[in-house]
Amino acid sequence: MTQQTAPVKAPPFPGRNLEQPPPMKGDDVRTWQAQMGNRGWTITVDGVYGPDSEDICREFQQRKHLQVDGIVGPITWKATWEAPID
């Protein structure tokens, strides 16, 4: 898989925050994980938002100067696609 080189428009927010515990499962989790992988993060795309996904989310939030809470809410979701790639 090649790393995405330019930001793109985010798909609509899925309507629920991705957080844990307990681990959340779903296509929305898989979509977020796949995009993080496209942006160069080493992440397992398994559709389960567990501790590893939360750790990556927190690191991403810190790098993008977002609130660091480990939750993929509307702001983090949008930034996953639209924030500049560094």
PDB file of N, CA and C in Angstrom:
ATOM      1  N   MET A   1       0.847  -1.172   0.000  1.00  0.00           N
ATOM      2  CA  MET A   1       0.000   0.000   0.000  1.00  0.00           C
ATOM      3  C   MET A   1       0.890   1.232   0.000  1.00  0.00           C
ATOM      4  N   THR A   2       0.582   2.187  -0.835  1.00  0.00           N
ATOM      5  CA  THR A   2       1.362   3.402  -0.883  1.00  0.00           C
ATOM      6  C   THR A   2       0.790   4.432   0.062  1.00  0.00           C
ATOM      7  N   GLN A   3       1.688   5.262   0.583  1.00  0.00           N
ATOM      8  CA  GLN A   3       1.243   6.300   1.508  1.00  0.00           C
ATOM      9  C   GLN A   3       0.542   7.403   0.738  1.00  0.00           C
ATOM     10  N   GLN A   4      -0.568   7.826   1.252  1.00  0.00           N
ATOM     11  CA  GLN A   4      -1.322   8.927   0.666  1.00  0.00           C
ATOM     12  C   GLN A   4      -0.470  10.185   0.765  1.00  0.00           C
ATOM     13  N   THR A   5      -0.404  10.970  -0.302  1.00  0.00           N
ATOM     14  CA  THR A   5       0.465  12.141  -0.311  1.00  0.00           C
ATOM     15  C   THR A   5      -0.273  13.456  -0.117  1.00  0.00           C
ATOM     16  N   ALA A   6      -1.557  13.496  -0.271  1.00  0.00           N
ATOM     17  CA  ALA A   6      -2.303  14.741  -0.099  1.00  0.00           C
ATOM     18  C   ALA A   6      -3.597  14.471   0.649  1.00  0.00           C
ATOM     19  N   PRO A   7      -4.015  15.419   1.479  1.00  0.00           N
ATOM     20  CA  PRO A   7      -5.274  15.216   2.189  1.00  0.00           C
ATOM     21  C   PRO A   7      -6.458  15.197   1.226  1.00  0.00           C
ATOM     22  N   VAL A   8      -7.484  14.500   1.642  1.00  0.00           N
ATOM     23  CA  VAL A   8      -8.713  14.406   0.852  1.00  0.00           C
ATOM     24  C   VAL A   8      -9.886  14.766   1.753  1.00  0.00           C
ATOM     25  N   LYS A   9     -11.048  14.957   1.171  1.00  0.00           N
ATOM     26  CA  LYS A   9     -12.244  15.276   1.961  1.00  0.00           C
ATOM     27  C   LYS A   9     -12.675  14.046   2.765  1.00  0.00           C
ATOM     28  N   ALA A  10     -12.946  14.275   4.027  1.00  0.00           N
ATOM     29  CA  ALA A  10     -13.362  13.183   4.909  1.00  0.00           C
ATOM     30  C   ALA A  10     -14.757  12.696   4.543  1.00  0.00           C
ATOM     31  N   PRO A  11     -14.983  11.390   4.664  1.00  0.00           N
ATOM     32  CA  PRO A  11     -16.354  10.887   4.517  1.00  0.00           C
ATOM     33  C   PRO A  11     -17.181  11.367   5.702  1.00  0.00           C
ATOM     34  N   PRO A  12     -18.490  11.301   5.605  1.00  0.00           N
ATOM     35  CA  PRO A  12     -19.335  11.743   6.722  1.00  0.00           C
ATOM     36  C   PRO A  12     -18.988  11.004   8.017  1.00  0.00           C
ATOM     37  N   PHE A  13     -19.023  11.746   9.123  1.00  0.00           N
ATOM     38  CA  PHE A  13     -18.791  11.133  10.433  1.00  0.00           C
ATOM     39  C   PHE A  13     -19.836  10.040  10.639  1.00  0.00           C
ATOM     40  N   PRO A  14     -19.414   8.867  11.156  1.00  0.00           N
ATOM     41  CA  PRO A  14     -20.339   7.731  11.258  1.00  0.00           C
ATOM     42  C   PRO A  14     -21.443   7.872  12.296  1.00  0.00           C
ATOM     43  N   GLY A  15     -21.372   8.905  13.137  1.00  0.00           N
ATOM     44  CA  GLY A  15     -22.461   9.108  14.085  1.00  0.00           C
ATOM     45  C   GLY A  15     -22.213   8.543  15.466  1.00  0.00           C
ATOM     46  N   ARG A  16     -21.071   7.920  15.652  1.00  0.00           N
ATOM     47  CA  ARG A  16     -20.715   7.452  16.996  1.00  0.00           C
ATOM     48  C   ARG A  16     -19.218   7.664  17.187  1.00  0.00           C
ATOM     49  N   ASN A  17     -18.851   8.031  18.408  1.00  0.00           N
ATOM     50  CA  ASN A  17     -17.436   8.154  18.723  1.00  0.00           C
ATOM     51  C   ASN A  17     -16.817   6.774  18.794  1.00  0.00           C
ATOM     52  N   LEU A  18     -15.596   6.656  18.291  1.00  0.00           N
ATOM     53  CA  LEU A  18     -14.859   5.401  18.402  1.00  0.00           C
ATOM     54  C   LEU A  18     -13.994   5.508  19.643  1.00  0.00           C
ATOM     55  N   GLU A  19     -14.244   4.612  20.592  1.00  0.00           N
ATOM     56  CA  GLU A  19     -13.522   4.638  21.856  1.00  0.00           C
ATOM     57  C   GLU A  19     -13.545   3.255  22.489  1.00  0.00           C
ATOM     58  N   GLN A  20     -12.774   3.101  23.549  1.00  0.00           N
ATOM     59  CA  GLN A  20     -12.717   1.862  24.302  1.00  0.00           C
ATOM     60  C   GLN A  20     -12.217   2.186  25.696  1.00  0.00           C
ATOM     61  N   PRO A  21     -12.384   1.295  26.688  1.00  0.00           N
ATOM     62  CA  PRO A  21     -13.021  -0.004  26.629  1.00  0.00           C
ATOM     63  C   PRO A  21     -14.541   0.085  26.731  1.00  0.00           C
ATOM     64  N   PRO A  22     -15.251  -0.973  26.416  1.00  0.00           N
ATOM     65  CA  PRO A  22     -14.765  -2.172  25.737  1.00  0.00           C
ATOM     66  C   PRO A  22     -14.444  -1.865  24.278  1.00  0.00           C
ATOM     67  N   PRO A  23     -13.661  -2.732  23.622  1.00  0.00           N
ATOM     68  CA  PRO A  23     -13.344  -2.508  22.217  1.00  0.00           C
ATOM     69  C   PRO A  23     -14.620  -2.397  21.378  1.00  0.00           C
ATOM     70  N   MET A  24     -14.623  -1.415  20.483  1.00  0.00           N
ATOM     71  CA  MET A  24     -15.758  -1.231  19.567  1.00  0.00           C
ATOM     72  C   MET A  24     -15.426  -1.920  18.250  1.00  0.00           C
ATOM     73  N   LYS A  25     -16.448  -2.440  17.604  1.00  0.00           N
ATOM     74  CA  LYS A  25     -16.266  -3.120  16.325  1.00  0.00           C
ATOM     75  C   LYS A  25     -17.195  -2.515  15.294  1.00  0.00           C
ATOM     76  N   GLY A  26     -16.754  -2.512  14.033  1.00  0.00           N
ATOM     77  CA  GLY A  26     -17.632  -2.052  12.973  1.00  0.00           C
ATOM     78  C   GLY A  26     -16.893  -1.569  11.745  1.00  0.00           C
ATOM     79  N   ASP A  27     -17.672  -1.342  10.702  1.00  0.00           N
ATOM     80  CA  ASP A  27     -17.107  -0.845   9.453  1.00  0.00           C
ATOM     81  C   ASP A  27     -16.541   0.561   9.618  1.00  0.00           C
ATOM     82  N   ASP A  28     -17.134   1.366  10.512  1.00  0.00           N
ATOM     83  CA  ASP A  28     -16.603   2.708  10.747  1.00  0.00           C
ATOM     84  C   ASP A  28     -15.198   2.638  11.337  1.00  0.00           C
ATOM     85  N   VAL A  29     -14.967   1.684  12.229  1.00  0.00           N
ATOM     86  CA  VAL A  29     -13.632   1.482  12.800  1.00  0.00           C
ATOM     87  C   VAL A  29     -12.674   1.078  11.685  1.00  0.00           C
ATOM     88  N   ARG A  30     -13.084   0.134  10.862  1.00  0.00           N
ATOM     89  CA  ARG A  30     -12.252  -0.340   9.752  1.00  0.00           C
ATOM     90  C   ARG A  30     -11.915   0.816   8.805  1.00  0.00           C
ATOM     91  N   THR A  31     -12.882   1.678   8.511  1.00  0.00           N
ATOM     92  CA  THR A  31     -12.657   2.823   7.626  1.00  0.00           C
ATOM     93  C   THR A  31     -11.609   3.756   8.219  1.00  0.00           C
ATOM     94  N   TRP A  32     -11.730   4.062   9.504  1.00  0.00           N
ATOM     95  CA  TRP A  32     -10.759   4.940  10.168  1.00  0.00           C
ATOM     96  C   TRP A  32      -9.377   4.294  10.190  1.00  0.00           C
ATOM     97  N   GLN A  33      -9.318   3.007  10.549  1.00  0.00           N
ATOM     98  CA  GLN A  33      -8.029   2.314  10.592  1.00  0.00           C
ATOM     99  C   GLN A  33      -7.369   2.303   9.209  1.00  0.00           C
ATOM    100  N   ALA A  34      -8.147   2.033   8.176  1.00  0.00           N
ATOM    101  CA  ALA A  34      -7.598   1.984   6.817  1.00  0.00           C
ATOM    102  C   ALA A  34      -7.028   3.340   6.416  1.00  0.00           C
ATOM    103  N   GLN A  35      -7.727   4.415   6.769  1.00  0.00           N
ATOM    104  CA  GLN A  35      -7.224   5.746   6.437  1.00  0.00           C
ATOM    105  C   GLN A  35      -5.950   6.060   7.204  1.00  0.00           C
ATOM    106  N   MET A  36      -5.876   5.659   8.451  1.00  0.00           N
ATOM    107  CA  MET A  36      -4.641   5.881   9.205  1.00  0.00           C
ATOM    108  C   MET A  36      -3.494   5.108   8.551  1.00  0.00           C
ATOM    109  N   GLY A  37      -3.778   3.907   8.076  1.00  0.00           N
ATOM    110  CA  GLY A  37      -2.759   3.149   7.349  1.00  0.00           C
ATOM    111  C   GLY A  37      -2.360   3.846   6.053  1.00  0.00           C
ATOM    112  N   ASN A  38      -3.342   4.407   5.348  1.00  0.00           N
ATOM    113  CA  ASN A  38      -3.058   5.148   4.111  1.00  0.00           C
ATOM    114  C   ASN A  38      -2.157   6.347   4.374  1.00  0.00           C
ATOM    115  N   ARG A  39      -2.262   6.891   5.569  1.00  0.00           N
ATOM    116  CA  ARG A  39      -1.462   8.070   5.923  1.00  0.00           C
ATOM    117  C   ARG A  39      -0.105   7.690   6.487  1.00  0.00           C
ATOM    118  N   GLY A  40       0.194   6.405   6.516  1.00  0.00           N
ATOM    119  CA  GLY A  40       1.526   5.973   6.914  1.00  0.00           C
ATOM    120  C   GLY A  40       1.659   5.422   8.318  1.00  0.00           C
ATOM    121  N   TRP A  41       0.557   5.351   9.061  1.00  0.00           N
ATOM    122  CA  TRP A  41       0.614   4.789  10.404  1.00  0.00           C
ATOM    123  C   TRP A  41       0.615   3.269  10.302  1.00  0.00           C
ATOM    124  N   THR A  42       1.340   2.622  11.201  1.00  0.00           N
ATOM    125  CA  THR A  42       1.345   1.166  11.253  1.00  0.00           C
ATOM    126  C   THR A  42       0.197   0.743  12.159  1.00  0.00           C
ATOM    127  N   ILE A  43      -0.866   0.255  11.534  1.00  0.00           N
ATOM    128  CA  ILE A  43      -2.076  -0.095  12.273  1.00  0.00           C
ATOM    129  C   ILE A  43      -2.705  -1.323  11.641  1.00  0.00           C
ATOM    130  N   THR A  44      -3.223  -2.201  12.462  1.00  0.00           N
ATOM    131  CA  THR A  44      -3.935  -3.377  11.976  1.00  0.00           C
ATOM    132  C   THR A  44      -5.361  -2.964  11.621  1.00  0.00           C
ATOM    133  N   VAL A  45      -5.763  -3.235  10.386  1.00  0.00           N
ATOM    134  CA  VAL A  45      -7.115  -2.904   9.924  1.00  0.00           C
ATOM    135  C   VAL A  45      -7.985  -4.138  10.148  1.00  0.00           C
ATOM    136  N   ASP A  46      -8.554  -4.208  11.363  1.00  0.00           N
ATOM    137  CA  ASP A  46      -9.344  -5.379  11.736  1.00  0.00           C
ATOM    138  C   ASP A  46     -10.769  -5.017  12.157  1.00  0.00           C
ATOM    139  N   GLY A  47     -11.094  -3.715  12.116  1.00  0.00           N
ATOM    140  CA  GLY A  47     -12.437  -3.304  12.499  1.00  0.00           C
ATOM    141  C   GLY A  47     -12.696  -3.317  13.984  1.00  0.00           C
ATOM    142  N   VAL A  48     -11.636  -3.425  14.796  1.00  0.00           N
ATOM    143  CA  VAL A  48     -11.774  -3.433  16.253  1.00  0.00           C
ATOM    144  C   VAL A  48     -10.997  -2.258  16.828  1.00  0.00           C
ATOM    145  N   TYR A  49     -11.702  -1.339  17.476  1.00  0.00           N
ATOM    146  CA  TYR A  49     -11.053  -0.200  18.121  1.00  0.00           C
ATOM    147  C   TYR A  49     -10.723  -0.600  19.547  1.00  0.00           C
ATOM    148  N   GLY A  50      -9.488  -1.056  19.717  1.00  0.00           N
ATOM    149  CA  GLY A  50      -9.004  -1.500  21.018  1.00  0.00           C
ATOM    150  C   GLY A  50      -7.830  -0.646  21.459  1.00  0.00           C
ATOM    151  N   PRO A  51      -7.015  -1.148  22.399  1.00  0.00           N
ATOM    152  CA  PRO A  51      -5.901  -0.368  22.947  1.00  0.00           C
ATOM    153  C   PRO A  51      -4.901   0.119  21.890  1.00  0.00           C
ATOM    154  N   ASP A  52      -4.574  -0.701  20.899  1.00  0.00           N
ATOM    155  CA  ASP A  52      -3.606  -0.288  19.880  1.00  0.00           C
ATOM    156  C   ASP A  52      -4.154   0.858  19.034  1.00  0.00           C
ATOM    157  N   SER A  53      -5.415   0.779  18.646  1.00  0.00           N
ATOM    158  CA  SER A  53      -6.029   1.861  17.880  1.00  0.00           C
ATOM    159  C   SER A  53      -6.085   3.136  18.722  1.00  0.00           C
ATOM    160  N   GLU A  54      -6.426   3.004  19.989  1.00  0.00           N
ATOM    161  CA  GLU A  54      -6.479   4.178  20.856  1.00  0.00           C
ATOM    162  C   GLU A  54      -5.107   4.831  20.978  1.00  0.00           C
ATOM    163  N   ASP A  55      -4.056   4.036  21.118  1.00  0.00           N
ATOM    164  CA  ASP A  55      -2.695   4.586  21.218  1.00  0.00           C
ATOM    165  C   ASP A  55      -2.341   5.380  19.965  1.00  0.00           C
ATOM    166  N   ILE A  56      -2.674   4.834  18.801  1.00  0.00           N
ATOM    167  CA  ILE A  56      -2.393   5.525  17.546  1.00  0.00           C
ATOM    168  C   ILE A  56      -3.228   6.799  17.462  1.00  0.00           C
ATOM    169  N   CYS A  57      -4.474   6.726  17.867  1.00  0.00           N
ATOM    170  CA  CYS A  57      -5.332   7.902  17.881  1.00  0.00           C
ATOM    171  C   CYS A  57      -4.732   8.999  18.756  1.00  0.00           C
ATOM    172  N   ARG A  58      -4.283   8.647  19.947  1.00  0.00           N
ATOM    173  CA  ARG A  58      -3.693   9.637  20.852  1.00  0.00           C
ATOM    174  C   ARG A  58      -2.447  10.282  20.240  1.00  0.00           C
ATOM    175  N   GLU A  59      -1.600   9.482  19.629  1.00  0.00           N
ATOM    176  CA  GLU A  59      -0.389  10.026  19.001  1.00  0.00           C
ATOM    177  C   GLU A  59      -0.759  10.959  17.851  1.00  0.00           C
ATOM    178  N   PHE A  60      -1.733  10.549  17.043  1.00  0.00           N
ATOM    179  CA  PHE A  60      -2.203  11.386  15.939  1.00  0.00           C
ATOM    180  C   PHE A  60      -2.757  12.709  16.477  1.00  0.00           C
ATOM    181  N   GLN A  61      -3.591  12.635  17.500  1.00  0.00           N
ATOM    182  CA  GLN A  61      -4.172  13.843  18.082  1.00  0.00           C
ATOM    183  C   GLN A  61      -3.082  14.784  18.597  1.00  0.00           C
ATOM    184  N   GLN A  62      -2.078  14.220  19.228  1.00  0.00           N
ATOM    185  CA  GLN A  62      -0.991  15.047  19.751  1.00  0.00           C
ATOM    186  C   GLN A  62      -0.245  15.731  18.600  1.00  0.00           C
ATOM    187  N   ARG A  63       0.077  14.989  17.555  1.00  0.00           N
ATOM    188  CA  ARG A  63       0.808  15.550  16.410  1.00  0.00           C
ATOM    189  C   ARG A  63       0.009  16.636  15.691  1.00  0.00           C
ATOM    190  N   LYS A  64      -1.300  16.508  15.692  1.00  0.00           N
ATOM    191  CA  LYS A  64      -2.156  17.461  14.979  1.00  0.00           C
ATOM    192  C   LYS A  64      -2.708  18.551  15.900  1.00  0.00           C
ATOM    193  N   HIS A  65      -2.223  18.582  17.144  1.00  0.00           N
ATOM    194  CA  HIS A  65      -2.616  19.609  18.111  1.00  0.00           C
ATOM    195  C   HIS A  65      -4.126  19.608  18.365  1.00  0.00           C
ATOM    196  N   LEU A  66      -4.675  18.391  18.483  1.00  0.00           N
ATOM    197  CA  LEU A  66      -6.078  18.202  18.825  1.00  0.00           C
ATOM    198  C   LEU A  66      -6.164  17.841  20.305  1.00  0.00           C
ATOM    199  N   GLN A  67      -7.373  17.829  20.844  1.00  0.00           N
ATOM    200  CA  GLN A  67      -7.549  17.344  22.213  1.00  0.00           C
ATOM    201  C   GLN A  67      -7.120  15.884  22.247  1.00  0.00           C
ATOM    202  N   VAL A  68      -6.203  15.537  23.133  1.00  0.00           N
ATOM    203  CA  VAL A  68      -5.680  14.174  23.222  1.00  0.00           C
ATOM    204  C   VAL A  68      -6.515  13.398  24.232  1.00  0.00           C
ATOM    205  N   ASP A  69      -7.491  12.648  23.692  1.00  0.00           N
ATOM    206  CA  ASP A  69      -8.353  11.846  24.558  1.00  0.00           C
ATOM    207  C   ASP A  69      -8.496  10.405  24.079  1.00  0.00           C
ATOM    208  N   GLY A  70      -7.891  10.095  22.925  1.00  0.00           N
ATOM    209  CA  GLY A  70      -7.964   8.727  22.408  1.00  0.00           C
ATOM    210  C   GLY A  70      -9.303   8.357  21.829  1.00  0.00           C
ATOM    211  N   ILE A  71     -10.166   9.352  21.620  1.00  0.00           N
ATOM    212  CA  ILE A  71     -11.501   9.112  21.073  1.00  0.00           C
ATOM    213  C   ILE A  71     -11.573   9.695  19.668  1.00  0.00           C
ATOM    214  N   VAL A  72     -12.014   8.875  18.724  1.00  0.00           N
ATOM    215  CA  VAL A  72     -12.228   9.370  17.366  1.00  0.00           C
ATOM    216  C   VAL A  72     -13.643   9.929  17.310  1.00  0.00           C
ATOM    217  N   GLY A  73     -13.746  11.223  17.594  1.00  0.00           N
ATOM    218  CA  GLY A  73     -15.007  11.942  17.474  1.00  0.00           C
ATOM    219  C   GLY A  73     -15.013  12.703  16.157  1.00  0.00           C
ATOM    220  N   PRO A  74     -15.969  13.599  15.952  1.00  0.00           N
ATOM    221  CA  PRO A  74     -16.079  14.305  14.674  1.00  0.00           C
ATOM    222  C   PRO A  74     -14.828  15.079  14.263  1.00  0.00           C
ATOM    223  N   ILE A  75     -14.134  15.710  15.208  1.00  0.00           N
ATOM    224  CA  ILE A  75     -12.953  16.512  14.865  1.00  0.00           C
ATOM    225  C   ILE A  75     -11.789  15.615  14.460  1.00  0.00           C
ATOM    226  N   THR A  76     -11.532  14.576  15.246  1.00  0.00           N
ATOM    227  CA  THR A  76     -10.438  13.652  14.904  1.00  0.00           C
ATOM    228  C   THR A  76     -10.753  12.900  13.618  1.00  0.00           C
ATOM    229  N   TRP A  77     -12.018  12.506  13.434  1.00  0.00           N
ATOM    230  CA  TRP A  77     -12.431  11.819  12.197  1.00  0.00           C
ATOM    231  C   TRP A  77     -12.093  12.690  10.988  1.00  0.00           C
ATOM    232  N   LYS A  78     -12.493  13.940  11.028  1.00  0.00           N
ATOM    233  CA  LYS A  78     -12.249  14.845   9.901  1.00  0.00           C
ATOM    234  C   LYS A  78     -10.747  15.044   9.677  1.00  0.00           C
ATOM    235  N   ALA A  79     -10.006  15.240  10.763  1.00  0.00           N
ATOM    236  CA  ALA A  79      -8.567  15.456  10.650  1.00  0.00           C
ATOM    237  C   ALA A  79      -7.851  14.233  10.076  1.00  0.00           C
ATOM    238  N   THR A  80      -8.391  13.054  10.303  1.00  0.00           N
ATOM    239  CA  THR A  80      -7.787  11.837   9.766  1.00  0.00           C
ATOM    240  C   THR A  80      -7.646  11.920   8.256  1.00  0.00           C
ATOM    241  N   TRP A  81      -8.577  12.563   7.604  1.00  0.00           N
ATOM    242  CA  TRP A  81      -8.522  12.726   6.145  1.00  0.00           C
ATOM    243  C   TRP A  81      -7.953  14.079   5.735  1.00  0.00           C
ATOM    244  N   GLU A  82      -8.307  15.127   6.463  1.00  0.00           N
ATOM    245  CA  GLU A  82      -8.083  16.473   5.959  1.00  0.00           C
ATOM    246  C   GLU A  82      -6.883  17.213   6.544  1.00  0.00           C
ATOM    247  N   ALA A  83      -6.344  16.774   7.665  1.00  0.00           N
ATOM    248  CA  ALA A  83      -5.177  17.463   8.242  1.00  0.00           C
ATOM    249  C   ALA A  83      -3.958  17.248   7.343  1.00  0.00           C
ATOM    250  N   PRO A  84      -3.092  18.251   7.262  1.00  0.00           N
ATOM    251  CA  PRO A  84      -1.883  18.085   6.435  1.00  0.00           C
ATOM    252  C   PRO A  84      -1.075  16.873   6.882  1.00  0.00           C
ATOM    253  N   ILE A  85      -0.458  16.235   5.929  1.00  0.00           N
ATOM    254  CA  ILE A  85       0.379  15.071   6.209  1.00  0.00           C
ATOM    255  C   ILE A  85       1.785  15.556   6.470  1.00  0.00           C
ATOM    256  N   ASP A  86       2.375  15.099   7.575  1.00  0.00           N
ATOM    257  CA  ASP A  86       3.746  15.519   7.869  1.00  0.00           C
ATOM    258  C   ASP A  86       4.700  14.374   7.801  1.00  0.00           C
TER     259      ASP A  86
END
